[in-house]
């Protein structure tokens, strides 16, 4: 039951982040988007590990890794802006 709650929470986080970007509320380097996307992906990755789903493990941790590229870009953009 706990894994189901974690997976639904992770999915809602990723989908909310994507929806807010598509709706123009956030941009790709906004902290809220990056946080929801990365934390949601990590939660889904943890559930995939527990369920031993190799494809989903790869997908979710690759997604989180790509999200960290966005975090690095955001940090760099903020440093050059100040």
N, C-alpha and C. Protein backbone atom coordinates (compact mmCIF):
# COMPACT_ATOMS: atom_id res chain seq x y z
N UNK A 1 0.82 -1.20 0.00
CA UNK A 1 0.00 0.00 0.00
C UNK A 1 0.86 1.26 0.00
N UNK A 2 1.92 1.25 0.80
CA UNK A 2 2.80 2.42 0.86
C UNK A 2 3.45 2.70 -0.50
N UNK A 3 3.87 1.64 -1.18
CA UNK A 3 4.47 1.83 -2.51
C UNK A 3 3.48 2.43 -3.50
N UNK A 4 2.22 2.06 -3.37
CA UNK A 4 1.20 2.64 -4.25
C UNK A 4 1.06 4.15 -3.99
N UNK A 5 1.07 4.52 -2.73
CA UNK A 5 0.96 5.94 -2.37
C UNK A 5 2.17 6.70 -2.90
N UNK A 6 3.36 6.13 -2.72
CA UNK A 6 4.59 6.78 -3.20
C UNK A 6 4.56 6.92 -4.71
N UNK A 7 4.12 5.87 -5.41
CA UNK A 7 4.11 5.93 -6.87
C UNK A 7 3.10 6.95 -7.38
N UNK A 8 1.93 7.02 -6.76
CA UNK A 8 0.93 8.01 -7.17
C UNK A 8 1.44 9.42 -6.88
N UNK A 9 2.05 9.62 -5.73
CA UNK A 9 2.62 10.93 -5.40
C UNK A 9 3.70 11.33 -6.41
N UNK A 10 4.59 10.40 -6.72
CA UNK A 10 5.63 10.68 -7.71
C UNK A 10 5.06 11.02 -9.06
N UNK A 11 4.07 10.25 -9.50
CA UNK A 11 3.44 10.52 -10.80
C UNK A 11 2.76 11.87 -10.81
N UNK A 12 2.04 12.20 -9.73
CA UNK A 12 1.39 13.51 -9.65
C UNK A 12 2.40 14.65 -9.69
N UNK A 13 3.54 14.46 -9.06
CA UNK A 13 4.57 15.50 -9.07
C UNK A 13 5.10 15.72 -10.48
N UNK A 14 5.45 14.64 -11.16
CA UNK A 14 5.99 14.76 -12.53
C UNK A 14 4.94 15.35 -13.47
N UNK A 15 3.72 14.85 -13.39
CA UNK A 15 2.67 15.35 -14.27
C UNK A 15 2.30 16.80 -13.96
N UNK A 16 2.29 17.17 -12.69
CA UNK A 16 2.00 18.56 -12.32
C UNK A 16 3.08 19.49 -12.87
N UNK A 17 4.32 19.10 -12.72
CA UNK A 17 5.43 19.92 -13.25
C UNK A 17 5.29 20.10 -14.75
N UNK A 18 5.00 19.00 -15.45
CA UNK A 18 4.85 19.07 -16.90
C UNK A 18 3.65 19.94 -17.28
N UNK A 19 2.55 19.76 -16.57
CA UNK A 19 1.36 20.56 -16.86
C UNK A 19 1.58 22.04 -16.63
N UNK A 20 2.28 22.39 -15.57
CA UNK A 20 2.55 23.80 -15.29
C UNK A 20 3.49 24.42 -16.31
N UNK A 21 4.39 23.62 -16.84
CA UNK A 21 5.25 24.13 -17.91
C UNK A 21 4.44 24.33 -19.19
N UNK A 22 3.61 23.35 -19.51
CA UNK A 22 2.80 23.45 -20.72
C UNK A 22 1.79 24.59 -20.62
N UNK A 23 1.32 24.86 -19.42
CA UNK A 23 0.38 25.94 -19.21
C UNK A 23 1.02 27.32 -19.15
N UNK A 24 2.33 27.37 -19.21
CA UNK A 24 3.04 28.64 -19.19
C UNK A 24 3.20 29.25 -17.81
N UNK A 25 2.86 28.49 -16.77
CA UNK A 25 3.01 28.99 -15.41
C UNK A 25 4.48 29.01 -15.01
N UNK A 26 5.19 27.95 -15.37
CA UNK A 26 6.61 27.84 -15.08
C UNK A 26 7.40 27.73 -16.37
N UNK A 27 8.71 28.03 -16.26
CA UNK A 27 9.65 27.82 -17.36
C UNK A 27 10.55 26.66 -16.98
N UNK A 28 11.31 26.18 -17.95
CA UNK A 28 12.10 24.95 -17.73
C UNK A 28 13.19 25.08 -16.68
N UNK A 29 13.62 26.28 -16.35
CA UNK A 29 14.66 26.45 -15.34
C UNK A 29 14.12 26.97 -14.01
N UNK A 30 12.80 27.02 -13.85
CA UNK A 30 12.21 27.44 -12.58
C UNK A 30 12.45 26.38 -11.52
N UNK A 31 12.75 26.83 -10.32
CA UNK A 31 13.06 25.90 -9.22
C UNK A 31 11.91 24.96 -8.91
N UNK A 32 10.68 25.46 -8.94
CA UNK A 32 9.53 24.61 -8.65
C UNK A 32 9.40 23.46 -9.63
N UNK A 33 9.57 23.78 -10.90
CA UNK A 33 9.50 22.74 -11.94
C UNK A 33 10.60 21.70 -11.72
N UNK A 34 11.81 22.17 -11.51
CA UNK A 34 12.94 21.25 -11.34
C UNK A 34 12.76 20.38 -10.11
N UNK A 35 12.27 20.97 -9.02
CA UNK A 35 12.07 20.21 -7.79
C UNK A 35 10.98 19.15 -7.96
N UNK A 36 9.82 19.54 -8.47
CA UNK A 36 8.74 18.56 -8.66
C UNK A 36 9.16 17.44 -9.60
N UNK A 37 9.78 17.81 -10.69
CA UNK A 37 10.19 16.82 -11.69
C UNK A 37 11.21 15.84 -11.12
N UNK A 38 12.24 16.36 -10.47
CA UNK A 38 13.30 15.48 -9.95
C UNK A 38 12.84 14.62 -8.78
N UNK A 39 12.14 15.21 -7.83
CA UNK A 39 11.67 14.43 -6.68
C UNK A 39 10.65 13.38 -7.13
N UNK A 40 9.75 13.77 -8.00
CA UNK A 40 8.78 12.81 -8.51
C UNK A 40 9.45 11.64 -9.23
N UNK A 41 10.44 11.93 -10.04
CA UNK A 41 11.17 10.88 -10.75
C UNK A 41 11.90 9.96 -9.78
N UNK A 42 12.50 10.54 -8.76
CA UNK A 42 13.21 9.72 -7.78
C UNK A 42 12.25 8.82 -7.01
N UNK A 43 11.08 9.34 -6.65
CA UNK A 43 10.09 8.52 -5.97
C UNK A 43 9.65 7.34 -6.85
N UNK A 44 9.40 7.63 -8.12
CA UNK A 44 9.02 6.56 -9.04
C UNK A 44 10.16 5.57 -9.24
N UNK A 45 11.39 6.05 -9.24
CA UNK A 45 12.55 5.16 -9.35
C UNK A 45 12.68 4.23 -8.16
N UNK A 46 12.39 4.74 -6.98
CA UNK A 46 12.45 3.91 -5.78
C UNK A 46 11.40 2.80 -5.85
N UNK A 47 10.21 3.14 -6.29
CA UNK A 47 9.16 2.13 -6.44
C UNK A 47 9.56 1.10 -7.49
N UNK A 48 10.17 1.55 -8.57
CA UNK A 48 10.61 0.62 -9.62
C UNK A 48 11.67 -0.34 -9.10
N UNK A 49 12.56 0.14 -8.25
CA UNK A 49 13.58 -0.73 -7.65
C UNK A 49 12.90 -1.79 -6.78
N UNK A 50 11.98 -1.35 -5.97
CA UNK A 50 11.28 -2.28 -5.08
C UNK A 50 10.51 -3.34 -5.87
N UNK A 51 9.93 -2.93 -6.99
CA UNK A 51 9.17 -3.85 -7.84
C UNK A 51 10.05 -4.62 -8.82
N UNK A 52 11.35 -4.32 -8.83
CA UNK A 52 12.32 -4.96 -9.73
C UNK A 52 11.91 -4.84 -11.20
N UNK A 53 11.60 -3.62 -11.60
CA UNK A 53 11.20 -3.31 -12.98
C UNK A 53 12.35 -2.59 -13.66
N UNK A 54 13.20 -3.34 -14.34
CA UNK A 54 14.45 -2.80 -14.90
C UNK A 54 14.21 -1.64 -15.85
N UNK A 55 13.24 -1.76 -16.73
CA UNK A 55 12.97 -0.68 -17.68
C UNK A 55 12.56 0.60 -16.99
N UNK A 56 11.71 0.48 -15.98
CA UNK A 56 11.27 1.66 -15.26
C UNK A 56 12.37 2.23 -14.37
N UNK A 57 13.22 1.38 -13.84
CA UNK A 57 14.37 1.86 -13.07
C UNK A 57 15.22 2.74 -13.96
N UNK A 58 15.54 2.23 -15.15
CA UNK A 58 16.36 2.99 -16.10
C UNK A 58 15.66 4.30 -16.47
N UNK A 59 14.37 4.22 -16.82
CA UNK A 59 13.63 5.40 -17.24
C UNK A 59 13.61 6.48 -16.16
N UNK A 60 13.26 6.11 -14.96
CA UNK A 60 13.09 7.11 -13.91
C UNK A 60 14.41 7.73 -13.47
N UNK A 61 15.46 6.93 -13.38
CA UNK A 61 16.74 7.52 -12.97
C UNK A 61 17.39 8.29 -14.11
N UNK A 62 17.12 7.89 -15.35
CA UNK A 62 17.58 8.70 -16.49
C UNK A 62 16.83 10.03 -16.49
N UNK A 63 15.54 9.98 -16.23
CA UNK A 63 14.72 11.20 -16.17
C UNK A 63 15.22 12.13 -15.06
N UNK A 64 15.51 11.56 -13.91
CA UNK A 64 16.04 12.37 -12.80
C UNK A 64 17.41 12.92 -13.15
N UNK A 65 18.24 12.12 -13.80
CA UNK A 65 19.57 12.59 -14.21
C UNK A 65 19.48 13.74 -15.19
N UNK A 66 18.57 13.62 -16.14
CA UNK A 66 18.37 14.72 -17.08
C UNK A 66 17.84 15.96 -16.37
N UNK A 67 17.02 15.72 -15.35
CA UNK A 67 16.54 16.85 -14.55
C UNK A 67 17.66 17.56 -13.82
N UNK A 68 18.67 16.81 -13.40
CA UNK A 68 19.82 17.43 -12.74
C UNK A 68 20.60 18.31 -13.71
N UNK A 69 20.57 17.98 -14.99
CA UNK A 69 21.18 18.86 -15.99
C UNK A 69 20.46 20.21 -15.97
N UNK A 70 19.14 20.17 -15.84
CA UNK A 70 18.37 21.41 -15.73
C UNK A 70 18.74 22.20 -14.48
N UNK A 71 18.95 21.50 -13.39
CA UNK A 71 19.37 22.18 -12.15
C UNK A 71 20.71 22.86 -12.36
N UNK A 72 21.65 22.17 -12.99
CA UNK A 72 22.97 22.76 -13.26
C UNK A 72 22.84 23.98 -14.17
N UNK A 73 21.97 23.90 -15.17
CA UNK A 73 21.76 25.05 -16.06
C UNK A 73 21.15 26.22 -15.31
N UNK A 74 20.22 25.94 -14.40
CA UNK A 74 19.58 27.01 -13.63
C UNK A 74 20.58 27.69 -12.71
N UNK A 75 21.42 26.89 -12.06
CA UNK A 75 22.44 27.46 -11.17
C UNK A 75 23.40 28.33 -11.98
N UNK A 76 23.83 27.84 -13.13
CA UNK A 76 24.75 28.61 -13.97
C UNK A 76 24.10 29.91 -14.45
N UNK A 77 22.83 29.85 -14.83
CA UNK A 77 22.12 31.04 -15.29
C UNK A 77 21.99 32.08 -14.17
N UNK A 78 21.74 31.61 -12.96
CA UNK A 78 21.62 32.54 -11.83
C UNK A 78 22.97 33.18 -11.50
N UNK A 79 24.04 32.41 -11.62
CA UNK A 79 25.38 32.96 -11.32
C UNK A 79 25.77 34.02 -12.33
N UNK A 80 25.47 33.78 -13.60
CA UNK A 80 25.84 34.75 -14.62
C UNK A 80 24.94 35.99 -14.58
N UNK A 81 23.71 35.82 -14.05
CA UNK A 81 22.79 36.95 -13.96
C UNK A 81 23.16 37.90 -12.81
N UNK A 82 23.88 37.39 -11.82
CA UNK A 82 24.19 38.24 -10.67
C UNK A 82 25.57 38.82 -10.72
